[in-house]
Protein backbone atom coordinates (compact mmCIF):
# COMPACT_ATOMS: atom_id res chain seq x y z
CA MET A 1 70.13 12.00 148.28
CA ASP A 2 72.69 11.16 150.95
CA SER A 3 71.69 12.80 154.26
CA ASP A 4 75.11 14.40 154.90
CA ALA A 5 75.27 15.76 151.37
CA PHE A 6 71.69 17.03 151.67
CA PHE A 7 72.59 18.82 154.90
CA ILE A 8 75.69 20.43 153.39
CA CYS A 9 74.05 21.42 150.08
CA ASN A 10 70.70 22.65 151.35
CA ILE A 11 70.97 23.66 154.99
CA CYS A 12 74.28 25.44 154.34
CA LYS A 13 73.34 26.61 150.83
CA PRO A 14 72.67 30.32 151.67
CA ALA A 15 75.97 30.66 153.50
CA ILE A 16 77.86 28.89 150.70
CA ASN A 17 76.30 31.01 147.96
CA SER A 18 76.80 34.33 149.74
CA TYR A 19 80.35 33.57 150.88
CA PHE A 20 81.81 31.91 147.81
CA GLY A 21 79.51 33.11 145.05
CA PHE A 22 78.68 29.73 143.49
CA ASP A 23 75.95 27.11 143.64
CA SER A 24 76.17 24.53 146.44
CA CYS A 25 75.23 21.70 144.03
CA TRP A 26 78.89 21.77 142.98
CA LEU A 27 79.76 20.68 146.49
CA TYR A 28 77.24 17.85 146.35
CA GLN A 29 78.73 16.70 143.04
CA LEU A 30 82.19 16.71 144.60
CA LEU A 31 81.15 14.79 147.74
CA VAL A 32 78.62 12.31 146.35
CA ILE A 33 78.47 12.00 142.56
CA ASN A 34 82.18 12.31 141.78
CA GLY A 35 83.35 11.43 145.26
CA LYS A 36 83.02 8.36 147.41
CA PRO A 37 79.59 7.92 149.08
CA SER A 38 81.01 5.17 151.24
CA LEU A 39 83.10 7.65 153.25
CA SER A 40 82.24 7.99 156.90
CA ARG A 41 80.44 11.09 158.21
CA SER A 42 83.60 12.50 159.81
CA ASN A 43 85.61 11.97 156.65
CA ARG A 44 82.89 13.62 154.53
CA PHE A 45 82.87 16.71 156.71
CA THR A 46 86.68 16.74 156.67
CA CYS A 47 86.59 16.61 152.88
CA ALA A 48 84.01 19.40 152.81
CA HIS A 49 86.14 21.53 155.12
CA ARG A 50 89.19 21.08 152.91
CA TRP A 51 87.11 21.96 149.87
CA PHE A 52 85.88 25.13 151.60
CA ILE A 53 89.45 26.19 152.34
CA LYS A 54 90.53 25.53 148.75
CA ALA A 55 87.55 27.42 147.34
CA LYS A 56 88.32 30.36 149.59
CA THR A 57 91.98 30.60 148.61
CA GLU A 58 91.44 29.60 144.96
CA PRO A 59 88.03 30.93 143.84
CA PRO A 60 86.48 29.74 140.60
CA GLU A 61 87.95 31.15 137.37
CA ASN A 62 84.78 33.07 136.59
CA PRO A 63 82.97 33.99 139.82
CA ASN A 64 81.02 36.74 138.00
CA PRO A 65 79.40 35.35 134.84
CA THR A 66 78.36 38.85 133.69
CA THR A 67 82.00 39.66 132.81
CA ALA A 68 82.41 36.61 130.59
CA MET A 69 83.17 37.06 126.90
CA THR A 70 80.03 36.25 124.94
CA VAL A 71 79.21 36.08 121.25
CA ARG A 72 77.09 39.21 121.54
CA LYS A 73 79.94 41.18 123.10
CA VAL A 74 82.40 40.04 120.45
CA ILE A 75 80.06 41.09 117.66
CA LEU A 76 79.25 44.46 119.22
CA TYR A 77 82.82 45.31 120.16
CA SER A 78 84.14 44.32 116.74
CA LEU A 79 81.51 46.58 115.18
CA LEU A 80 82.99 49.57 116.96
CA LEU A 81 86.06 49.65 114.70
CA PRO A 82 84.25 50.15 111.37
CA VAL A 83 81.81 52.57 113.01
CA LEU A 84 84.64 54.73 114.37
CA ILE A 85 86.49 54.69 111.05
CA PHE A 86 83.27 55.60 109.22
CA LEU A 87 82.54 58.55 111.52
CA SER A 88 86.16 59.73 111.36
CA LEU A 89 86.21 59.76 107.55
CA ILE A 90 82.87 61.58 107.40
CA THR A 91 84.18 64.19 109.85
CA ILE A 92 87.38 64.65 107.86
CA SER A 93 85.35 65.09 104.68
CA LEU A 94 83.14 67.70 106.32
CA ILE A 95 86.13 69.66 107.62
CA LYS A 96 88.17 69.41 104.42
CA ASP A 97 85.49 69.97 101.77
CA ASN A 98 83.02 71.93 103.92
CA LYS A 99 80.18 69.77 102.66
CA PHE A 100 78.56 66.41 103.31
CA PRO A 101 80.01 63.56 101.20
CA ASP A 102 78.25 62.40 98.08
CA ILE A 103 75.97 59.39 98.20
CA ASP A 104 78.35 57.37 96.00
CA TYR A 105 81.17 57.96 98.46
CA LEU A 106 78.94 56.96 101.37
CA ILE A 107 77.91 53.74 99.65
CA PHE A 108 81.52 52.89 98.84
CA LEU A 109 82.61 53.70 102.38
CA THR A 110 79.81 51.67 103.95
CA ALA A 111 80.53 48.64 101.79
CA GLY A 112 84.28 48.87 102.33
CA LEU A 113 84.01 49.06 106.12
CA PHE A 114 81.01 46.95 107.08
CA LEU A 115 81.28 44.18 104.50
CA PRO A 116 84.54 42.84 106.04
CA TRP A 117 82.88 42.93 109.46
CA ALA A 118 79.91 40.92 108.11
CA ILE A 119 82.31 38.42 106.53
CA GLY A 120 84.00 37.97 109.92
CA VAL A 121 80.62 37.29 111.54
CA LEU A 122 79.76 34.74 108.85
CA LEU A 123 83.08 32.99 109.39
CA GLY A 124 82.28 32.76 113.10
CA VAL A 125 78.84 31.29 112.31
CA PHE A 126 80.37 28.77 109.91
CA VAL A 127 83.00 27.56 112.39
CA THR A 128 80.43 27.42 115.20
CA VAL A 129 78.10 25.20 113.16
CA LEU A 130 81.00 23.07 112.01
CA VAL A 131 82.72 22.52 115.38
CA ARG A 132 79.70 22.63 117.74
CA LYS A 133 81.45 23.64 120.95
CA PRO A 134 79.35 26.30 122.73
CA LYS A 135 82.08 27.30 125.18
CA LEU A 136 84.38 28.23 122.29
CA GLU A 137 81.81 30.13 120.22
CA PRO A 138 83.02 33.62 121.28
CA TRP A 139 86.53 32.67 120.27
CA PHE A 140 85.29 31.45 116.89
CA TYR A 141 83.64 34.81 116.20
CA LEU A 142 86.69 36.71 117.46
CA SER A 143 88.98 34.60 115.27
CA GLY A 144 86.78 35.34 112.25
CA GLN A 145 87.10 39.09 112.82
CA LEU A 146 90.85 38.87 113.38
CA LEU A 147 91.27 36.76 110.25
CA VAL A 148 89.44 39.31 108.11
CA VAL A 149 91.34 42.28 109.59
CA THR A 150 94.67 40.49 109.21
CA THR A 151 93.90 39.63 105.59
CA ILE A 152 92.95 43.24 104.77
CA VAL A 153 96.07 44.61 106.48
CA CYS A 154 98.29 42.15 104.59
CA LEU A 155 96.68 43.06 101.27
CA LEU A 156 97.13 46.77 101.98
CA LEU A 157 100.78 46.25 102.91
CA VAL A 158 101.44 44.21 99.77
CA ASN A 159 99.71 46.81 97.62
CA ALA A 160 101.64 49.65 99.28
CA TYR A 161 104.91 47.79 98.70
CA ARG A 162 104.10 47.23 95.04
CA GLN A 163 103.17 50.88 94.57
CA ALA A 164 106.39 51.99 96.25
CA VAL A 165 108.45 49.75 93.97
CA HIS A 166 106.52 50.98 90.94
CA ARG A 167 107.04 54.63 91.91
CA GLN A 168 110.72 54.00 92.44
CA ASN A 169 111.13 52.46 88.99
CA PHE A 170 108.57 54.37 86.91
CA GLY A 171 107.27 57.27 89.04
CA ASN A 172 109.27 60.01 87.32
CA ILE A 173 108.51 58.61 83.87
CA GLU A 174 104.77 58.67 84.45
CA HIS A 175 104.97 62.14 86.00
CA ASN A 176 106.95 63.55 83.08
CA HIS A 177 104.67 61.98 80.48
CA TYR A 178 101.67 63.44 82.27
CA LEU A 179 103.15 66.94 82.31
CA VAL A 180 103.72 67.01 78.55
CA ASP A 181 100.68 64.81 77.81
CA LEU A 182 102.82 62.41 75.84
CA ASP A 183 99.93 59.96 75.48
CA ASN A 184 97.53 62.69 74.29
CA LYS A 185 95.01 62.01 77.05
CA TYR A 186 94.29 65.65 77.79
CA SER A 187 93.34 68.66 75.73
CA PHE A 188 95.69 71.33 77.07
CA SER A 189 98.68 70.24 74.94
CA ALA A 190 96.82 69.29 71.78
CA ARG A 191 98.07 72.44 70.10
CA ASP A 192 101.68 71.93 71.29
CA PRO A 193 103.07 68.86 69.50
CA TYR A 194 106.49 70.51 69.36
CA VAL A 195 106.65 70.23 73.17
CA GLN A 196 106.28 66.48 72.92
CA THR A 197 108.92 66.37 70.20
CA ALA A 198 111.31 68.34 72.39
CA PHE A 199 110.57 66.18 75.41
CA ARG A 200 111.29 62.96 73.50
CA LYS A 201 114.65 64.40 72.56
CA LEU A 202 115.34 65.32 76.18
CA GLU A 203 114.24 61.92 77.48
CA SER A 204 116.45 60.10 74.98
CA SER A 205 119.44 62.01 76.35
CA PHE A 206 119.25 60.05 79.63
CA ALA A 207 120.36 56.47 80.01
CA ASN A 208 117.46 55.92 82.43
CA PRO A 209 114.32 57.99 81.71
CA ASN A 210 113.40 57.73 85.41
CA ASP A 211 116.50 59.69 86.45
CA PHE A 212 114.87 63.13 86.14
CA ARG A 213 111.58 64.69 87.20
CA LEU A 214 110.12 67.66 85.35
CA SER A 215 109.20 70.75 87.34
CA ALA A 216 107.99 73.04 84.53
CA TYR A 217 108.44 73.91 80.88
CA PHE A 218 107.88 76.93 78.69
CA SER A 219 108.75 77.84 75.12
CA GLN A 220 109.78 80.61 72.81
CA VAL A 221 108.96 80.70 69.13
CA THR A 222 110.71 82.56 66.35
CA GLY A 223 110.18 82.49 62.59
CA GLU A 224 112.38 82.32 59.59
CA ASP A 225 110.90 84.64 56.97
CA ASN A 226 107.65 84.30 58.97
CA THR A 227 106.99 80.94 57.32
CA VAL A 228 108.81 78.20 59.21
CA PRO A 229 108.55 78.58 62.99
CA VAL A 230 111.42 77.55 65.21
CA TYR A 231 110.57 76.61 68.79
CA PHE A 232 112.88 76.76 71.78
CA VAL A 233 111.51 74.68 74.64
CA TYR A 234 112.98 75.11 78.13
CA PHE A 235 112.60 72.20 80.54
CA SER A 236 113.24 72.61 84.26
CA TYR A 237 113.79 69.33 86.11
CA LYS A 238 115.31 67.79 89.21
CA ARG A 239 117.66 64.87 89.60
CA LYS A 240 117.72 62.98 92.87
CA GLY A 241 120.70 63.93 94.98
CA ARG A 242 122.04 66.36 92.34
CA GLY A 243 119.75 69.37 92.47
CA GLU A 244 117.81 71.26 89.81
CA PHE A 245 118.80 71.63 86.17
CA PHE A 246 117.37 72.91 82.91
CA SER A 247 117.70 71.99 79.25
CA LYS A 248 116.99 73.95 76.09
CA ILE A 249 115.71 72.07 73.04
CA ARG A 250 115.32 73.58 69.57
CA VAL A 251 112.50 72.16 67.45
CA LEU A 252 112.27 72.71 63.70
CA GLN A 253 109.23 71.00 62.22
CA ASP A 254 109.59 67.36 63.34
CA SER A 255 113.27 67.50 64.27
CA ALA A 256 114.67 68.36 67.69
CA PHE A 257 118.19 69.43 68.64
CA VAL A 258 119.73 69.83 72.09
CA GLU A 259 120.97 73.37 72.65
CA ILE A 260 121.74 73.07 76.39
CA LEU A 261 121.66 69.91 78.52
CA GLY A 262 121.99 69.98 82.31
CA GLY A 263 122.42 73.74 82.62
CA ASN A 264 122.35 75.65 85.87
CA PRO A 265 119.01 77.48 86.13
CA LYS A 266 120.39 80.01 88.63
CA THR A 267 123.34 81.23 86.60
CA ASN A 268 122.12 81.02 83.01
CA SER A 269 120.84 84.45 82.03
CA ASP A 270 118.80 83.20 79.07
CA PHE A 271 116.87 80.74 81.23
CA THR A 272 116.26 83.17 84.09
CA ARG A 273 115.02 85.83 81.68
CA GLN A 274 112.60 83.50 79.91
CA LYS A 275 111.41 82.00 83.20
CA SER A 276 110.77 85.44 84.68
CA ARG A 277 108.73 86.38 81.64
CA ASN A 278 106.80 83.11 81.80
CA ASP A 279 106.02 83.59 85.50
CA SER A 280 104.82 87.16 85.01
CA ILE A 281 102.45 86.16 82.21
CA ARG A 282 101.15 83.21 84.21
CA ASN A 283 100.53 85.40 87.25
CA VAL A 284 98.53 87.84 85.13
CA GLU A 285 96.43 84.98 83.75
CA ILE A 286 95.82 83.59 87.23
CA GLN A 287 94.80 86.98 88.59
CA ALA A 288 92.40 87.50 85.68
CA LEU A 289 90.91 84.08 86.31
CA GLN A 290 90.52 84.81 90.02
CA ASP A 291 88.63 87.99 89.21
CA ALA A 292 86.36 86.06 86.87
CA LEU A 293 85.64 83.43 89.54
CA GLN A 294 84.65 85.81 92.32
CA ASP A 295 80.94 84.99 91.96
CA LEU A 296 81.47 81.24 92.37
CA PRO A 297 81.23 79.47 95.75
CA ASP A 298 84.46 79.24 97.70
CA SER A 299 84.73 75.46 97.32
CA ALA A 300 84.33 75.57 93.53
CA ARG A 301 86.71 78.52 93.17
CA ASN A 302 89.38 76.85 95.32
CA GLU A 303 89.10 73.63 93.37
CA ILE A 304 89.57 75.43 90.05
CA MET A 305 92.55 77.38 91.37
CA ASN A 306 94.17 74.25 92.77
CA ASN A 307 93.83 72.52 89.42
CA LEU A 308 95.31 75.57 87.74
CA GLU A 309 98.28 75.57 90.09
CA LYS A 310 98.86 71.89 89.37
CA SER A 311 98.93 72.68 85.66
CA SER A 312 101.31 75.64 86.02
CA TYR A 313 103.83 73.78 83.86
CA ARG A 314 101.81 74.64 80.72
CA SER A 315 103.85 76.02 77.89
CA ILE A 316 103.59 79.72 77.10
CA GLU A 317 104.79 80.87 73.72
CA PHE A 318 106.85 84.03 73.35
CA ARG A 319 106.87 85.62 69.93
């Protein structure tokens, strides 16, 4: 080794390391390997002095290697997001349902949160093996995580947009068909086919079936000579930007006739009377059911009552 470079790099090494925070072999590389060994002694020390001044005013980009971004840090920090989401959902479930989530829910939640994270790690491994640049490995892993998160967010946004468009075009139709069980998927309206007949008549009265949203329905039945029943079905519904209305449909066997279309539920005495009677009977039924459910746990009782409230549109016959 050149004697001047040896003196600078070894005799002055402790002072260089403690003052600047880097290895003195960098200085030797600058003066001898990448420099000009043919320089005179005075010029070499002048060059070293200038390098000292530059290093003092412009320290290396990473004087403390412990703060550098590493692959391990990227993996651990990216794991915090699914862990926090997992713990938050478990906490919400405990507070809302007052019980620990089912094992099926936990499996679904674990797969949905940690599988994307694992895919991001695998993408980082794949790019690292393919490119083979160690200095860029942390960025490869970080890019893999960001790519997965961005893809999931985009898919969720697209799905939310499609659902919003679907609700806008068909939301009221699906809601109304569910209330009267037009597709016969549920058992509560199996004995009320006249309700479906009346609803079809009501729906056909609108140019766009999505223009109204049912709130409730109830019915009254009368008989002619006690042989042929005649049903009067009252539908309460809302129209966007127009308020709440009601319609009265008369059903005789398989035929339906519109008695009132778009009536005012607040001023029509017939509707208010029938609705008041329907509400009183429903309240009695709910109270009787509450008394019968007193021995059940609170969570089970609340779930049953919530389902009952959701189905409060059920038809009640008045004879």
